[in-house]
C-alpha atoms as a PDB file:
ATOM      1  CA  MET A   1       0.016   0.277   0.082  1.00  0.00           C
ATOM      2  CA  ASN A   2       1.517   3.368  -1.029  1.00  0.00           C
ATOM      3  CA  VAL A   3       0.597   5.237   2.155  1.00  0.00           C
ATOM      4  CA  ARG A   4       1.657   8.762   0.532  1.00  0.00           C
ATOM      5  CA  SER A   5      -1.414   8.135  -1.964  1.00  0.00           C
ATOM      6  CA  THR A   6      -3.867   6.977   0.604  1.00  0.00           C
ATOM      7  CA  LEU A   7      -3.386   9.660   3.248  1.00  0.00           C
ATOM      8  CA  PRO A   8      -4.542  12.639   0.806  1.00  0.00           C
ATOM      9  CA  ASN A   9      -7.457  10.185  -0.533  1.00  0.00           C
ATOM     10  CA  LEU A  10      -8.390   9.984   2.843  1.00  0.00           C
ATOM     11  CA  CYS A  11      -8.280  13.569   3.952  1.00  0.00           C
ATOM     12  CA  LEU A  12     -10.597  14.207   0.645  1.00  0.00           C
ATOM     13  CA  ILE A  13     -13.291  11.831   1.767  1.00  0.00           C
ATOM     14  CA  TRP A  14     -13.597  12.326   5.333  1.00  0.00           C
ATOM     15  CA  PRO A  15     -15.448  15.443   4.810  1.00  0.00           C
ATOM     16  CA  TRP A  16     -17.828  13.669   1.975  1.00  0.00           C
ATOM     17  CA  LEU A  17     -18.091  10.993   4.763  1.00  0.00           C
ATOM     18  CA  ILE A  18     -19.033  13.566   7.490  1.00  0.00           C
ATOM     19  CA  GLY A  19     -21.538  15.921   5.149  1.00  0.00           C
ATOM     20  CA  GLY A  20     -23.222  12.572   4.111  1.00  0.00           C
ATOM     21  CA  ALA A  21     -23.858  11.439   7.654  1.00  0.00           C
ATOM     22  CA  GLY A  22     -25.176  15.092   8.329  1.00  0.00           C
ATOM     23  CA  VAL A  23     -27.464  14.961   5.479  1.00  0.00           C
ATOM     24  CA  GLY A  24     -28.443  11.413   6.357  1.00  0.00           C
ATOM     25  CA  LEU A  25     -29.360  12.522   9.978  1.00  0.00           C
ATOM     26  CA  GLY A  26     -31.800  15.222   8.576  1.00  0.00           C
ATOM     27  CA  LEU A  27     -33.366  12.643   6.054  1.00  0.00           C
ATOM     28  CA  VAL A  28     -35.182  10.787   9.005  1.00  0.00           C
ATOM     29  CA  PRO A  29     -37.218  13.748  10.099  1.00  0.00           C
ATOM     30  CA  LEU A  30     -37.795  14.894   6.351  1.00  0.00           C
ATOM     31  CA  ALA A  31     -39.158  11.540   5.652  1.00  0.00           C
ATOM     32  CA  ARG A  32     -42.258  12.848   7.895  1.00  0.00           C
ATOM     33  CA  ILE A  33     -42.313  16.377   7.502  1.00  0.00           C
ATOM     34  CA  ILE A  34     -42.660  16.428   3.768  1.00  0.00           C
ATOM     35  CA  PRO A  35     -45.390  14.033   3.199  1.00  0.00           C
ATOM     36  CA  ARG A  36     -47.592  15.753   6.263  1.00  0.00           C
ATOM     37  CA  LYS A  37     -46.791  18.663   4.404  1.00  0.00           C
ATOM     38  CA  VAL A  38     -48.107  17.019   1.213  1.00  0.00           C
ATOM     39  CA  LEU A  39     -51.074  15.959   2.470  1.00  0.00           C
ATOM     40  CA  GLN A  40     -52.017  19.156   4.806  1.00  0.00           C
ATOM     41  CA  HIS A  41     -51.852  21.055   1.412  1.00  0.00           C
ATOM     42  CA  ALA A  42     -53.811  18.590  -0.519  1.00  0.00           C
ATOM     43  CA  GLN A  43     -56.363  18.266   2.631  1.00  0.00           C
ATOM     44  CA  ALA A  44     -56.220  14.635   2.843  1.00  0.00           C
ATOM     45  CA  SER A  45     -55.970  12.488   5.628  1.00  0.00           C
ATOM     46  CA  MET A  46     -52.841  10.822   6.908  1.00  0.00           C
ATOM     47  CA  GLU A  47     -54.902   7.726   8.283  1.00  0.00           C
ATOM     48  CA  GLU A  48     -55.139   6.579   4.305  1.00  0.00           C
ATOM     49  CA  TRP A  49     -51.581   6.888   3.599  1.00  0.00           C
ATOM     50  CA  VAL A  50     -50.358   3.855   5.509  1.00  0.00           C
ATOM     51  CA  GLY A  51     -47.730   1.519   3.895  1.00  0.00           C
ATOM     52  CA  PRO A  52     -45.406  -1.282   5.532  1.00  0.00           C
ATOM     53  CA  GLY A  53     -43.203   1.254   7.723  1.00  0.00           C
ATOM     54  CA  GLY A  54     -46.634   2.244   9.804  1.00  0.00           C
ATOM     55  CA  GLY A  55     -47.624   5.570   8.223  1.00  0.00           C
ATOM     56  CA  LEU A  56     -46.924   8.991   9.566  1.00  0.00           C
ATOM     57  CA  GLU A  57     -48.098   8.172  13.265  1.00  0.00           C
ATOM     58  CA  HIS A  58     -45.972   5.613  13.457  1.00  0.00           C
ATOM     59  CA  SER A  59     -42.932   6.281  15.689  1.00  0.00           C
ATOM     60  CA  VAL A  60     -39.589   6.231  14.050  1.00  0.00           C
ATOM     61  CA  SER A  61     -37.274   3.367  14.995  1.00  0.00           C
ATOM     62  CA  PRO A  62     -34.097   3.931  16.507  1.00  0.00           C
ATOM     63  CA  ALA A  63     -32.038   1.804  13.841  1.00  0.00           C
ATOM     64  CA  ARG A  64     -33.235   4.124  11.377  1.00  0.00           C
ATOM     65  CA  ARG A  65     -31.419   6.968  12.873  1.00  0.00           C
ATOM     66  CA  ILE A  66     -28.135   5.096  12.289  1.00  0.00           C
ATOM     67  CA  TRP A  67     -28.541   3.055   9.428  1.00  0.00           C
ATOM     68  CA  VAL A  68     -29.729   6.187   6.910  1.00  0.00           C
ATOM     69  CA  PRO A  69     -26.458   8.307   8.071  1.00  0.00           C
ATOM     70  CA  LEU A  70     -24.356   5.516   7.665  1.00  0.00           C
ATOM     71  CA  VAL A  71     -25.680   4.448   4.092  1.00  0.00           C
ATOM     72  CA  ASN A  72     -26.052   7.947   2.926  1.00  0.00           C
ATOM     73  CA  ALA A  73     -22.350   8.719   3.864  1.00  0.00           C
ATOM     74  CA  SER A  74     -21.343   5.813   1.999  1.00  0.00           C
ATOM     75  CA  LEU A  75     -22.942   7.153  -0.947  1.00  0.00           C
ATOM     76  CA  TRP A  76     -21.471  10.291  -0.712  1.00  0.00           C
ATOM     77  CA  ALA A  77     -18.099   8.803  -0.245  1.00  0.00           C
ATOM     78  CA  PHE A  78     -18.595   7.085  -3.479  1.00  0.00           C
ATOM     79  CA  ALA A  79     -19.918   9.961  -5.569  1.00  0.00           C
ATOM     80  CA  ALA A  80     -16.381  11.875  -4.324  1.00  0.00           C
ATOM     81  CA  THR A  81     -14.229   9.171  -5.443  1.00  0.00           C
ATOM     82  CA  SER A  82     -16.353   8.157  -8.596  1.00  0.00           C
ATOM     83  CA  HIS A  83     -16.601  12.186  -9.773  1.00  0.00           C
ATOM     84  CA  PRO A  84     -13.555  14.050  -9.194  1.00  0.00           C
ATOM     85  CA  VAL A  85     -15.124  17.468 -10.397  1.00  0.00           C
ATOM     86  CA  PHE A  86     -16.681  18.918  -7.218  1.00  0.00           C
ATOM     87  CA  PRO A  87     -20.139  19.956  -8.762  1.00  0.00           C
ATOM     88  CA  ALA A  88     -20.574  16.634 -10.276  1.00  0.00           C
ATOM     89  CA  ALA A  89     -19.745  14.914  -7.313  1.00  0.00           C
ATOM     90  CA  LEU A  90     -22.042  16.941  -5.218  1.00  0.00           C
ATOM     91  CA  LEU A  91     -25.054  16.865  -7.853  1.00  0.00           C
ATOM     92  CA  TRP A  92     -24.781  12.643  -7.747  1.00  0.00           C
ATOM     93  CA  ALA A  93     -24.508  12.628  -4.093  1.00  0.00           C
ATOM     94  CA  MET A  94     -27.727  14.874  -3.539  1.00  0.00           C
ATOM     95  CA  LEU A  95     -29.480  12.363  -6.104  1.00  0.00           C
ATOM     96  CA  ALA A  96     -28.535   9.599  -3.698  1.00  0.00           C
ATOM     97  CA  SER A  97     -29.817  11.633  -0.815  1.00  0.00           C
ATOM     98  CA  ALA A  98     -33.059  11.944  -2.540  1.00  0.00           C
ATOM     99  CA  LEU A  99     -33.394   8.451  -3.686  1.00  0.00           C
ATOM    100  CA  VAL A 100     -32.641   7.168   0.145  1.00  0.00           C
ATOM    101  CA  LEU A 101     -35.616  10.067   1.378  1.00  0.00           C
ATOM    102  CA  LEU A 102     -38.079   8.850  -1.400  1.00  0.00           C
ATOM    103  CA  ALA A 103     -37.447   5.234  -0.207  1.00  0.00           C
ATOM    104  CA  LEU A 104     -38.308   6.249   3.209  1.00  0.00           C
ATOM    105  CA  ILE A 105     -41.422   8.111   2.503  1.00  0.00           C
ATOM    106  CA  ASP A 106     -42.755   5.547   0.458  1.00  0.00           C
ATOM    107  CA  TRP A 107     -42.168   2.928   2.566  1.00  0.00           C
ATOM    108  CA  ASP A 108     -43.888   4.466   5.148  1.00  0.00           C
ATOM    109  CA  THR A 109     -46.844   5.936   3.291  1.00  0.00           C
ATOM    110  CA  THR A 110     -46.743   4.650  -0.165  1.00  0.00           C
ATOM    111  CA  MET A 111     -45.880   7.816  -1.354  1.00  0.00           C
ATOM    112  CA  LEU A 112     -43.581   9.797  -3.786  1.00  0.00           C
ATOM    113  CA  PRO A 113     -44.070  13.178  -3.448  1.00  0.00           C
ATOM    114  CA  ASP A 114     -43.571  15.374  -6.678  1.00  0.00           C
ATOM    115  CA  TRP A 115     -41.898  18.004  -4.503  1.00  0.00           C
ATOM    116  CA  ILE A 116     -39.015  15.732  -4.580  1.00  0.00           C
ATOM    117  CA  VAL A 117     -39.484  13.547  -7.836  1.00  0.00           C
ATOM    118  CA  LEU A 118     -39.852  16.486 -10.018  1.00  0.00           C
ATOM    119  CA  PRO A 119     -36.755  18.460  -8.890  1.00  0.00           C
ATOM    120  CA  MET A 120     -35.260  15.209  -9.284  1.00  0.00           C
ATOM    121  CA  GLY A 121     -35.904  14.935 -13.092  1.00  0.00           C
ATOM    122  CA  ILE A 122     -35.035  18.582 -13.796  1.00  0.00           C
ATOM    123  CA  ALA A 123     -31.483  18.136 -11.979  1.00  0.00           C
ATOM    124  CA  GLY A 124     -30.673  15.168 -14.317  1.00  0.00           C
ATOM    125  CA  LEU A 125     -31.435  17.635 -17.051  1.00  0.00           C
ATOM    126  CA  ALA A 126     -29.266  19.800 -15.797  1.00  0.00           C
ATOM    127  CA  GLY A 127     -26.511  17.409 -15.084  1.00  0.00           C
ATOM    128  CA  SER A 128     -26.651  16.083 -18.780  1.00  0.00           C
ATOM    129  CA  TYR A 129     -26.419  19.805 -19.911  1.00  0.00           C
ATOM    130  CA  ALA A 130     -23.235  20.371 -18.164  1.00  0.00           C
ATOM    131  CA  GLY A 131     -21.569  16.983 -18.848  1.00  0.00           C
ATOM    132  CA  PHE A 132     -21.817  15.255 -15.653  1.00  0.00           C
ATOM    133  CA  THR A 133     -24.132  12.364 -17.067  1.00  0.00           C
ATOM    134  CA  SER A 134     -23.105   9.815 -19.722  1.00  0.00           C
ATOM    135  CA  GLN A 135     -25.623  11.086 -21.785  1.00  0.00           C
ATOM    136  CA  ASN A 136     -26.303  14.680 -23.500  1.00  0.00           C
ATOM    137  CA  LEU A 137     -29.132  17.074 -22.930  1.00  0.00           C
ATOM    138  CA  LEU A 138     -31.108  15.994 -25.837  1.00  0.00           C
ATOM    139  CA  PHE A 139     -30.844  12.527 -25.194  1.00  0.00           C
ATOM    140  CA  SER A 140     -31.844  12.863 -21.527  1.00  0.00           C
ATOM    141  CA  SER A 141     -34.918  14.566 -22.513  1.00  0.00           C
ATOM    142  CA  LEU A 142     -35.643  12.015 -25.096  1.00  0.00           C
ATOM    143  CA  SER A 143     -35.131   9.177 -22.427  1.00  0.00           C
ATOM    144  CA  THR A 144     -37.262  10.899 -20.081  1.00  0.00           C
ATOM    145  CA  VAL A 145     -39.962  11.301 -22.793  1.00  0.00           C
ATOM    146  CA  PHE A 146     -39.877   7.971 -23.710  1.00  0.00           C
ATOM    147  CA  VAL A 147     -39.932   6.267 -20.301  1.00  0.00           C
ATOM    148  CA  LEU A 148     -42.789   8.416 -19.502  1.00  0.00           C
ATOM    149  CA  LEU A 149     -44.730   7.250 -22.807  1.00  0.00           C
ATOM    150  CA  PHE A 150     -43.674   3.882 -22.788  1.00  0.00           C
ATOM    151  CA  LEU A 151     -44.552   2.944 -19.140  1.00  0.00           C
ATOM    152  CA  GLY A 152     -47.680   5.740 -18.970  1.00  0.00           C
ATOM    153  CA  GLY A 153     -49.043   3.587 -22.122  1.00  0.00           C
ATOM    154  CA  PHE A 154     -48.431   0.088 -20.349  1.00  0.00           C
ATOM    155  CA  ALA A 155     -50.187   1.043 -17.022  1.00  0.00           C
ATOM    156  CA  TRP A 156     -53.013   2.354 -19.140  1.00  0.00           C
ATOM    157  CA  VAL A 157     -53.219  -0.981 -21.142  1.00  0.00           C
ATOM    158  CA  PHE A 158     -53.146  -2.895 -18.054  1.00  0.00           C
ATOM    159  CA  GLN A 159     -55.718  -0.807 -16.561  1.00  0.00           C
ATOM    160  CA  ARG A 160     -57.955  -1.311 -19.566  1.00  0.00           C
ATOM    161  CA  ILE A 161     -57.697  -5.024 -19.217  1.00  0.00           C
ATOM    162  CA  ARG A 162     -57.195  -6.115 -15.729  1.00  0.00           C
ATOM    163  CA  GLY A 163     -59.012  -2.903 -14.070  1.00  0.00           C
ATOM    164  CA  ALA A 164     -56.023  -2.307 -11.803  1.00  0.00           C
ATOM    165  CA  SER A 165     -52.943  -0.163 -12.338  1.00  0.00           C
ATOM    166  CA  GLY A 166     -49.810  -1.765 -13.495  1.00  0.00           C
ATOM    167  CA  ILE A 167     -47.860   0.775 -11.741  1.00  0.00           C
ATOM    168  CA  GLY A 168     -48.705   3.930  -9.688  1.00  0.00           C
ATOM    169  CA  GLY A 169     -48.438   7.584 -10.872  1.00  0.00           C
ATOM    170  CA  GLY A 170     -45.624   8.045  -8.622  1.00  0.00           C
ATOM    171  CA  ASP A 171     -43.727   4.940  -9.441  1.00  0.00           C
ATOM    172  CA  LEU A 172     -43.981   6.263 -13.123  1.00  0.00           C
ATOM    173  CA  LYS A 173     -42.481   9.711 -12.375  1.00  0.00           C
ATOM    174  CA  LEU A 174     -39.837   8.386 -10.596  1.00  0.00           C
ATOM    175  CA  LEU A 175     -38.326   6.076 -13.345  1.00  0.00           C
ATOM    176  CA  ALA A 176     -39.004   8.842 -15.745  1.00  0.00           C
ATOM    177  CA  ALA A 177     -36.941  11.095 -13.565  1.00  0.00           C
ATOM    178  CA  LEU A 178     -34.088   8.770 -13.084  1.00  0.00           C
ATOM    179  CA  ALA A 179     -34.183   8.336 -16.935  1.00  0.00           C
ATOM    180  CA  ALA A 180     -32.955  12.106 -17.005  1.00  0.00           C
ATOM    181  CA  TRP A 181     -29.836  10.419 -15.204  1.00  0.00           C
ATOM    182  CA  TRP A 182     -29.239   7.145 -16.823  1.00  0.00           C
ATOM    183  CA  GLY A 183     -31.256   6.740 -19.948  1.00  0.00           C
ATOM    184  CA  VAL A 184     -33.661   4.009 -20.984  1.00  0.00           C
ATOM    185  CA  LEU A 185     -31.411   1.056 -20.699  1.00  0.00           C
ATOM    186  CA  GLY A 186     -30.484   2.118 -17.321  1.00  0.00           C
ATOM    187  CA  VAL A 187     -34.166   2.535 -16.410  1.00  0.00           C
ATOM    188  CA  PHE A 188     -34.651  -0.726 -17.952  1.00  0.00           C
ATOM    189  CA  TYR A 189     -32.306  -2.715 -15.821  1.00  0.00           C
ATOM    190  CA  THR A 190     -33.874  -0.652 -12.851  1.00  0.00           C
ATOM    191  CA  VAL A 191     -37.284  -1.745 -13.538  1.00  0.00           C
ATOM    192  CA  LEU A 192     -36.429  -5.580 -13.921  1.00  0.00           C
ATOM    193  CA  TRP A 193     -34.359  -5.547 -10.917  1.00  0.00           C
ATOM    194  CA  ALA A 194     -37.138  -3.737  -8.712  1.00  0.00           C
ATOM    195  CA  SER A 195     -39.588  -6.036 -10.049  1.00  0.00           C
ATOM    196  CA  ILE A 196     -37.916  -9.217  -8.902  1.00  0.00           C
ATOM    197  CA  GLY A 197     -36.610  -7.394  -5.576  1.00  0.00           C
ATOM    198  CA  THR A 198     -40.293  -6.451  -4.979  1.00  0.00           C
ATOM    199  CA  VAL A 199     -41.834  -9.581  -5.569  1.00  0.00           C
ATOM    200  CA  ILE A 200     -39.097 -11.389  -2.986  1.00  0.00           C
ATOM    201  CA  TRP A 201     -39.412  -8.681  -0.628  1.00  0.00           C
ATOM    202  CA  ASN A 202     -43.149  -8.596  -0.636  1.00  0.00           C
ATOM    203  CA  LEU A 203     -43.296 -12.218   0.043  1.00  0.00           C
ATOM    204  CA  VAL A 204     -41.212 -12.546   2.928  1.00  0.00           C
ATOM    205  CA  TRP A 205     -42.539  -9.319   4.559  1.00  0.00           C
ATOM    206  CA  ARG A 206     -46.244 -10.311   4.202  1.00  0.00           C
ATOM    207  CA  ARG A 207     -45.012 -13.774   5.862  1.00  0.00           C
ATOM    208  CA  LEU A 208     -43.446 -12.243   8.724  1.00  0.00           C
ATOM    209  CA  LYS A 209     -45.650  -9.621   9.646  1.00  0.00           C
ATOM    210  CA  GLY A 210     -49.062 -11.522   8.799  1.00  0.00           C
ATOM    211  CA  HIS A 211     -50.323  -8.971   6.139  1.00  0.00           C
ATOM    212  CA  GLY A 212     -52.970  -9.995   3.811  1.00  0.00           C
ATOM    213  CA  PRO A 213     -52.574 -10.228   0.321  1.00  0.00           C
ATOM    214  CA  GLU A 214     -54.997  -6.886  -0.060  1.00  0.00           C
ATOM    215  CA  ALA A 215     -52.318  -4.858   1.740  1.00  0.00           C
ATOM    216  CA  GLU A 216     -50.966  -1.912  -0.159  1.00  0.00           C
ATOM    217  CA  TRP A 217     -47.051  -2.533  -1.362  1.00  0.00           C
ATOM    218  CA  PRO A 218     -45.116   0.059  -2.667  1.00  0.00           C
ATOM    219  CA  PHE A 219     -42.423  -0.378  -5.415  1.00  0.00           C
ATOM    220  CA  GLY A 220     -40.736   3.013  -4.535  1.00  0.00           C
ATOM    221  CA  PRO A 221     -38.207   1.462  -2.247  1.00  0.00           C
ATOM    222  CA  THR A 222     -37.264  -1.334  -4.279  1.00  0.00           C
ATOM    223  CA  ILE A 223     -36.604   0.713  -7.491  1.00  0.00           C
ATOM    224  CA  VAL A 224     -34.444   2.981  -5.251  1.00  0.00           C
ATOM    225  CA  ILE A 225     -32.307   0.341  -4.272  1.00  0.00           C
ATOM    226  CA  ALA A 226     -32.011  -0.946  -8.034  1.00  0.00           C
ATOM    227  CA  ALA A 227     -31.304   2.332  -9.166  1.00  0.00           C
ATOM    228  CA  LEU A 228     -28.638   3.107  -6.600  1.00  0.00           C
ATOM    229  CA  LEU A 229     -26.881  -0.386  -7.757  1.00  0.00           C
ATOM    230  CA  TRP A 230     -27.406   0.222 -11.393  1.00  0.00           C
ATOM    231  CA  GLY A 231     -25.262   3.749 -10.465  1.00  0.00           C
ATOM    232  CA  LEU A 232     -22.708   1.960  -8.599  1.00  0.00           C
ATOM    233  CA  TRP A 233     -22.380  -1.040 -11.577  1.00  0.00           C
ATOM    234  CA  ALA A 234     -22.389   1.893 -14.004  1.00  0.00           C
ATOM    235  CA  THR A 235     -20.088   4.127 -12.635  1.00  0.00           C
END
């Protein structure tokens, strides 16, 4: 091991680890504040939005206050090592934090707020324009439109045939936003892995917790996990 090269790298990573952990601590309360604000703005009942995490009235587990900062710090450190340009590293780090936040909210409430998803898509387009993604602005825009129309059309056909929605509106917007970052191919693999993960996770969790088949199950958390894994692999 070259100590001379390792020490400067550690000095560069530590600020990202500390910053990521600090932001991660803030994600835990934000995952309750944002959906409350959304529901209050829509004058909707909080009791109607309950996911496997127990809803907004359920207390936050102490474990979440530990693993969320650790995961977020790791994602920020990876962003710093993968993107030597500071603005690019910061943009990708914020994307990772936004995805973690969405996973927490969707797990608790089965909700993916536009307040987070839409700015994420705009940031992906801006990052493509600045050269911080693997595609230019034109392909980023076309990828977003294609995913929105293709998956939206699939959901419409599924609705007509089966009488039930094949994909939620929030999930559709999230995948379209991710297309601005990774393109159609990245979204394809994200949907594939997320679908497999959701089936397995759903069956295991229902068996452990005793949930009935009619209980609503969010697709967002596995989309987030699959998207982060794709980002790690692609980088």
